[in-house]
Amino acid sequence: MASPYTHARGTVEVADRAVERVARAAVLTVDGVAPAGSTAGALGTALGRTYPRVDCEIAGDHVRASVEIAIRWPAPARQVAEKVQDAVTTQLHHLAGLHVDSVRVVVAQVVRVADEPRRVR
């Protein structure tokens, strides 16, 4: 199902999958969120078991988003979750023209991510 967005010149339909992709991209811009490739091994990635996971319920021009994230150690979980809420809300409003009723964020995993690849000597 697509959500309608009415503009002065007409109506634009935004596909549900596109809304979830906008939300996922917003999540990955937040400092402290672990990059998708760092949250699962090759098998997990192939099976789609990486973070972030985003699910959006859309009704008309309103959306409720549920987001599961992995954060980088030692990022403060509460602050990262609040920044994710803000980023998702802002991007869904600006890019998809939706009114965001809620963004539920769950920190599902904490990972240690190396800032730089290490060389073996």
N, C-alpha and C. Protein backbone atom coordinates (compact mmCIF):
# COMPACT_ATOMS: atom_id res chain seq x y z
N MET A 1 0.85 -1.18 0.00
CA MET A 1 0.00 0.00 0.00
C MET A 1 0.89 1.23 0.00
N ALA A 2 0.51 2.23 -0.70
CA ALA A 2 1.28 3.46 -0.76
C ALA A 2 0.57 4.55 0.02
N SER A 3 1.35 5.50 0.52
CA SER A 3 0.75 6.60 1.26
C SER A 3 0.66 7.82 0.35
N PRO A 4 -0.50 8.48 0.34
CA PRO A 4 -0.63 9.66 -0.52
C PRO A 4 -0.03 10.89 0.15
N TYR A 5 0.58 11.71 -0.64
CA TYR A 5 1.13 12.97 -0.17
C TYR A 5 0.58 14.04 -1.09
N THR A 6 -0.24 14.93 -0.56
CA THR A 6 -0.88 15.95 -1.38
C THR A 6 -0.03 17.21 -1.38
N HIS A 7 0.23 17.70 -2.53
CA HIS A 7 1.02 18.91 -2.74
C HIS A 7 0.16 19.88 -3.53
N ALA A 8 0.55 21.11 -3.61
CA ALA A 8 -0.22 22.12 -4.34
C ALA A 8 -0.47 21.72 -5.79
N ARG A 9 0.41 20.94 -6.37
CA ARG A 9 0.28 20.56 -7.78
C ARG A 9 -0.40 19.22 -7.99
N GLY A 10 -0.64 18.47 -6.92
CA GLY A 10 -1.27 17.17 -7.10
C GLY A 10 -0.94 16.24 -5.96
N THR A 11 -1.02 14.94 -6.21
CA THR A 11 -0.78 13.93 -5.19
C THR A 11 0.38 13.04 -5.62
N VAL A 12 1.25 12.73 -4.66
CA VAL A 12 2.37 11.83 -4.90
C VAL A 12 2.15 10.61 -4.01
N GLU A 13 2.30 9.44 -4.57
CA GLU A 13 2.17 8.21 -3.79
C GLU A 13 3.56 7.72 -3.41
N VAL A 14 3.74 7.43 -2.11
CA VAL A 14 5.02 6.94 -1.61
C VAL A 14 4.82 5.49 -1.18
N ALA A 15 5.52 4.57 -1.80
CA ALA A 15 5.38 3.16 -1.49
C ALA A 15 5.88 2.86 -0.08
N ASP A 16 5.21 1.91 0.60
CA ASP A 16 5.58 1.55 1.96
C ASP A 16 7.05 1.14 2.06
N ARG A 17 7.51 0.39 1.10
CA ARG A 17 8.91 -0.07 1.10
C ARG A 17 9.87 1.13 1.01
N ALA A 18 9.50 2.13 0.24
CA ALA A 18 10.32 3.33 0.13
C ALA A 18 10.39 4.07 1.46
N VAL A 19 9.28 4.10 2.18
CA VAL A 19 9.25 4.75 3.50
C VAL A 19 10.21 4.03 4.44
N GLU A 20 10.20 2.71 4.43
CA GLU A 20 11.11 1.95 5.28
C GLU A 20 12.56 2.18 4.89
N ARG A 21 12.83 2.31 3.62
CA ARG A 21 14.21 2.58 3.17
C ARG A 21 14.67 3.96 3.60
N VAL A 22 13.78 4.95 3.55
CA VAL A 22 14.12 6.30 4.02
C VAL A 22 14.44 6.25 5.51
N ALA A 23 13.62 5.54 6.28
CA ALA A 23 13.84 5.43 7.72
C ALA A 23 15.16 4.72 8.02
N ARG A 24 15.44 3.64 7.30
CA ARG A 24 16.67 2.88 7.51
C ARG A 24 17.90 3.74 7.19
N ALA A 25 17.84 4.48 6.11
CA ALA A 25 18.94 5.36 5.75
C ALA A 25 19.16 6.43 6.83
N ALA A 26 18.06 6.94 7.38
CA ALA A 26 18.16 7.94 8.45
C ALA A 26 18.84 7.36 9.68
N VAL A 27 18.50 6.12 10.02
CA VAL A 27 19.11 5.46 11.18
C VAL A 27 20.62 5.37 11.01
N LEU A 28 21.06 4.99 9.82
CA LEU A 28 22.48 4.77 9.58
C LEU A 28 23.30 6.06 9.57
N THR A 29 22.66 7.23 9.58
CA THR A 29 23.39 8.49 9.64
C THR A 29 23.73 8.90 11.07
N VAL A 30 23.14 8.22 12.04
CA VAL A 30 23.32 8.61 13.45
C VAL A 30 24.63 8.06 13.99
N ASP A 31 25.42 8.96 14.59
CA ASP A 31 26.67 8.57 15.21
C ASP A 31 26.39 7.64 16.38
N GLY A 32 27.08 6.52 16.43
CA GLY A 32 26.89 5.55 17.50
C GLY A 32 26.14 4.31 17.03
N VAL A 33 25.42 4.42 15.92
CA VAL A 33 24.74 3.25 15.36
C VAL A 33 25.78 2.42 14.63
N ALA A 34 25.78 1.13 14.90
CA ALA A 34 26.75 0.24 14.26
C ALA A 34 26.40 0.08 12.79
N PRO A 35 27.42 0.10 11.92
CA PRO A 35 27.17 -0.12 10.49
C PRO A 35 26.56 -1.49 10.26
N ALA A 36 25.72 -1.58 9.25
CA ALA A 36 24.98 -2.83 8.99
C ALA A 36 25.89 -4.04 8.86
N GLY A 37 27.02 -3.90 8.21
CA GLY A 37 27.92 -5.04 8.00
C GLY A 37 28.59 -5.56 9.26
N SER A 38 28.54 -4.79 10.34
CA SER A 38 29.23 -5.21 11.57
C SER A 38 28.34 -5.99 12.52
N THR A 39 27.08 -6.17 12.18
CA THR A 39 26.15 -6.77 13.14
C THR A 39 25.84 -8.23 12.89
N ALA A 40 26.35 -8.80 11.83
CA ALA A 40 26.10 -10.21 11.54
C ALA A 40 27.23 -10.73 10.67
N GLY A 41 27.47 -12.00 10.74
CA GLY A 41 28.46 -12.61 9.87
C GLY A 41 27.91 -12.74 8.46
N ALA A 42 28.64 -13.43 7.62
CA ALA A 42 28.23 -13.58 6.22
C ALA A 42 26.88 -14.29 6.10
N LEU A 43 26.66 -15.32 6.93
CA LEU A 43 25.40 -16.05 6.87
C LEU A 43 24.25 -15.16 7.33
N GLY A 44 24.45 -14.43 8.42
CA GLY A 44 23.41 -13.52 8.91
C GLY A 44 23.07 -12.45 7.90
N THR A 45 24.09 -11.93 7.22
CA THR A 45 23.86 -10.92 6.18
C THR A 45 23.06 -11.52 5.04
N ALA A 46 23.41 -12.74 4.62
CA ALA A 46 22.70 -13.39 3.52
C ALA A 46 21.24 -13.66 3.88
N LEU A 47 20.99 -13.92 5.16
CA LEU A 47 19.62 -14.20 5.60
C LEU A 47 18.85 -12.95 6.00
N GLY A 48 19.50 -11.79 5.90
CA GLY A 48 18.81 -10.54 6.23
C GLY A 48 18.66 -10.31 7.72
N ARG A 49 19.60 -10.82 8.51
CA ARG A 49 19.50 -10.69 9.96
C ARG A 49 20.44 -9.62 10.51
N THR A 50 20.58 -8.55 9.78
CA THR A 50 21.44 -7.46 10.23
C THR A 50 20.59 -6.33 10.80
N TYR A 51 21.25 -5.46 11.51
CA TYR A 51 20.60 -4.25 12.01
C TYR A 51 21.08 -3.09 11.19
N PRO A 52 20.29 -2.06 11.03
CA PRO A 52 19.01 -1.81 11.66
C PRO A 52 17.88 -2.55 10.96
N ARG A 53 16.85 -2.83 11.74
CA ARG A 53 15.61 -3.40 11.21
C ARG A 53 14.54 -2.34 11.37
N VAL A 54 13.79 -2.11 10.33
CA VAL A 54 12.79 -1.05 10.34
C VAL A 54 11.46 -1.61 9.86
N ASP A 55 10.40 -1.27 10.58
CA ASP A 55 9.05 -1.64 10.18
C ASP A 55 8.19 -0.39 10.33
N CYS A 56 7.47 -0.01 9.29
CA CYS A 56 6.63 1.18 9.33
C CYS A 56 5.18 0.80 9.08
N GLU A 57 4.29 1.32 9.92
CA GLU A 57 2.86 1.18 9.73
C GLU A 57 2.34 2.51 9.23
N ILE A 58 1.77 2.49 8.03
CA ILE A 58 1.33 3.74 7.40
C ILE A 58 -0.18 3.73 7.25
N ALA A 59 -0.79 4.84 7.67
CA ALA A 59 -2.23 5.03 7.52
C ALA A 59 -2.45 6.44 6.98
N GLY A 60 -2.81 6.52 5.71
CA GLY A 60 -2.96 7.83 5.09
C GLY A 60 -1.61 8.53 5.02
N ASP A 61 -1.53 9.72 5.63
CA ASP A 61 -0.26 10.44 5.63
C ASP A 61 0.40 10.41 7.02
N HIS A 62 0.03 9.39 7.82
CA HIS A 62 0.62 9.21 9.15
C HIS A 62 1.41 7.91 9.18
N VAL A 63 2.49 7.90 9.96
CA VAL A 63 3.33 6.72 10.05
C VAL A 63 3.76 6.50 11.50
N ARG A 64 3.88 5.22 11.83
CA ARG A 64 4.47 4.79 13.10
C ARG A 64 5.62 3.87 12.72
N ALA A 65 6.79 4.16 13.24
CA ALA A 65 7.95 3.36 12.89
C ALA A 65 8.47 2.60 14.11
N SER A 66 8.87 1.36 13.88
CA SER A 66 9.55 0.55 14.89
C SER A 66 10.93 0.24 14.35
N VAL A 67 11.95 0.54 15.15
CA VAL A 67 13.32 0.39 14.70
C VAL A 67 14.11 -0.41 15.72
N GLU A 68 14.85 -1.41 15.26
CA GLU A 68 15.79 -2.14 16.11
C GLU A 68 17.18 -1.80 15.61
N ILE A 69 18.05 -1.42 16.53
CA ILE A 69 19.40 -1.03 16.14
C ILE A 69 20.45 -1.78 16.94
N ALA A 70 21.65 -1.76 16.39
CA ALA A 70 22.84 -2.18 17.12
C ALA A 70 23.66 -0.91 17.31
N ILE A 71 24.23 -0.76 18.50
CA ILE A 71 25.05 0.42 18.74
C ILE A 71 26.50 0.01 18.95
N ARG A 72 27.37 0.97 18.71
CA ARG A 72 28.80 0.74 18.89
C ARG A 72 29.17 0.95 20.35
N TRP A 73 29.97 0.08 20.88
CA TRP A 73 30.50 0.23 22.23
C TRP A 73 31.52 1.34 22.20
N PRO A 74 31.55 2.29 23.08
CA PRO A 74 30.78 2.51 24.30
C PRO A 74 29.74 3.61 24.15
N ALA A 75 29.05 3.70 23.03
CA ALA A 75 28.05 4.75 22.81
C ALA A 75 26.93 4.66 23.85
N PRO A 76 26.45 5.80 24.34
CA PRO A 76 25.35 5.80 25.31
C PRO A 76 24.02 5.45 24.64
N ALA A 77 23.44 4.34 25.03
CA ALA A 77 22.25 3.79 24.36
C ALA A 77 21.10 4.79 24.31
N ARG A 78 20.80 5.44 25.41
CA ARG A 78 19.67 6.36 25.45
C ARG A 78 19.85 7.52 24.48
N GLN A 79 21.04 8.09 24.46
CA GLN A 79 21.28 9.23 23.57
C GLN A 79 21.23 8.82 22.10
N VAL A 80 21.80 7.67 21.79
CA VAL A 80 21.77 7.19 20.40
C VAL A 80 20.32 6.93 19.99
N ALA A 81 19.54 6.30 20.86
CA ALA A 81 18.13 6.01 20.54
C ALA A 81 17.35 7.31 20.31
N GLU A 82 17.60 8.33 21.12
CA GLU A 82 16.91 9.62 20.93
C GLU A 82 17.31 10.27 19.61
N LYS A 83 18.58 10.17 19.24
CA LYS A 83 19.04 10.73 17.97
C LYS A 83 18.43 9.97 16.79
N VAL A 84 18.27 8.66 16.94
CA VAL A 84 17.63 7.85 15.90
C VAL A 84 16.18 8.29 15.74
N GLN A 85 15.47 8.49 16.84
CA GLN A 85 14.09 8.96 16.77
C GLN A 85 14.01 10.28 16.01
N ASP A 86 14.89 11.21 16.35
CA ASP A 86 14.89 12.52 15.69
C ASP A 86 15.20 12.40 14.20
N ALA A 87 16.22 11.60 13.86
CA ALA A 87 16.62 11.46 12.45
C ALA A 87 15.51 10.83 11.62
N VAL A 88 14.89 9.78 12.14
CA VAL A 88 13.82 9.11 11.40
C VAL A 88 12.63 10.04 11.24
N THR A 89 12.26 10.74 12.31
CA THR A 89 11.13 11.67 12.24
C THR A 89 11.39 12.75 11.20
N THR A 90 12.57 13.34 11.24
CA THR A 90 12.90 14.42 10.32
C THR A 90 12.89 13.95 8.87
N GLN A 91 13.53 12.83 8.59
CA GLN A 91 13.63 12.36 7.21
C GLN A 91 12.28 11.89 6.66
N LEU A 92 11.48 11.22 7.47
CA LEU A 92 10.17 10.78 6.98
C LEU A 92 9.26 11.97 6.71
N HIS A 93 9.41 13.01 7.50
CA HIS A 93 8.60 14.21 7.27
C HIS A 93 9.08 14.95 6.02
N HIS A 94 10.40 15.18 5.93
CA HIS A 94 10.93 15.97 4.82
C HIS A 94 10.95 15.23 3.48
N LEU A 95 11.34 13.97 3.49
CA LEU A 95 11.49 13.25 2.23
C LEU A 95 10.23 12.54 1.76
N ALA A 96 9.40 12.09 2.71
CA ALA A 96 8.19 11.35 2.32
C ALA A 96 6.92 12.14 2.57
N GLY A 97 7.03 13.29 3.23
CA GLY A 97 5.86 14.12 3.48
C GLY A 97 4.88 13.52 4.46
N LEU A 98 5.37 12.70 5.38
CA LEU A 98 4.50 12.01 6.33
C LEU A 98 4.51 12.69 7.70
N HIS A 99 3.40 12.57 8.39
CA HIS A 99 3.32 13.00 9.79
C HIS A 99 3.73 11.79 10.63
N VAL A 100 4.76 11.93 11.42
CA VAL A 100 5.28 10.81 12.20
C VAL A 100 4.62 10.83 13.57
N ASP A 101 3.80 9.82 13.84
CA ASP A 101 3.11 9.73 15.12
C ASP A 101 4.03 9.18 16.21
N SER A 102 4.89 8.23 15.86
CA SER A 102 5.82 7.69 16.84
C SER A 102 6.96 6.96 16.15
N VAL A 103 8.10 6.94 16.83
CA VAL A 103 9.25 6.15 16.40
C VAL A 103 9.71 5.40 17.64
N ARG A 104 9.52 4.09 17.64
CA ARG A 104 9.92 3.24 18.76
C ARG A 104 11.29 2.67 18.41
N VAL A 105 12.26 2.89 19.29
CA VAL A 105 13.62 2.42 19.04
C VAL A 105 14.01 1.42 20.13
N VAL A 106 14.50 0.27 19.70
CA VAL A 106 15.01 -0.76 20.61
C VAL A 106 16.48 -0.97 20.30
N VAL A 107 17.32 -0.86 21.32
CA VAL A 107 18.73 -1.19 21.16
C VAL A 107 18.83 -2.69 21.39
N ALA A 108 18.99 -3.43 20.30
CA ALA A 108 18.95 -4.90 20.35
C ALA A 108 20.32 -5.53 20.52
N GLN A 109 21.37 -4.77 20.20
CA GLN A 109 22.72 -5.35 20.25
C GLN A 109 23.74 -4.24 20.46
N VAL A 110 24.79 -4.58 21.18
CA VAL A 110 25.93 -3.67 21.35
C VAL A 110 27.14 -4.39 20.75
N VAL A 111 27.82 -3.72 19.83
CA VAL A 111 28.96 -4.34 19.16
C VAL A 111 30.20 -3.48 19.29
N ARG A 112 31.31 -4.13 19.27
CA ARG A 112 32.59 -3.42 19.27
C ARG A 112 33.06 -3.39 17.82
N VAL A 113 33.16 -2.20 17.27
CA VAL A 113 33.53 -2.03 15.88
C VAL A 113 34.87 -1.32 15.83
N ALA A 114 35.82 -1.92 15.15
CA ALA A 114 37.13 -1.29 15.00
C ALA A 114 37.00 -0.07 14.10
N ASP A 115 37.62 1.02 14.51
CA ASP A 115 37.56 2.24 13.70
C ASP A 115 38.35 2.09 12.41
N GLU A 116 39.42 1.36 12.46
CA GLU A 116 40.24 1.16 11.28
C GLU A 116 40.54 -0.33 11.14
N PRO A 117 40.65 -0.81 9.93
CA PRO A 117 41.03 -2.21 9.75
C PRO A 117 42.45 -2.43 10.30
N ARG A 118 42.64 -3.52 10.98
CA ARG A 118 43.96 -3.82 11.54
C ARG A 118 44.77 -4.63 10.56
N ARG A 119 46.04 -4.35 10.55
CA ARG A 119 46.94 -5.12 9.67
C ARG A 119 47.64 -6.20 10.48
N VAL A 120 47.79 -7.32 9.84
CA VAL A 120 48.51 -8.42 10.47
C VAL A 120 49.96 -8.31 10.08
N ARG A 121 50.85 -8.37 11.05
CA ARG A 121 52.30 -8.26 10.76
C ARG A 121 52.97 -9.59 10.90
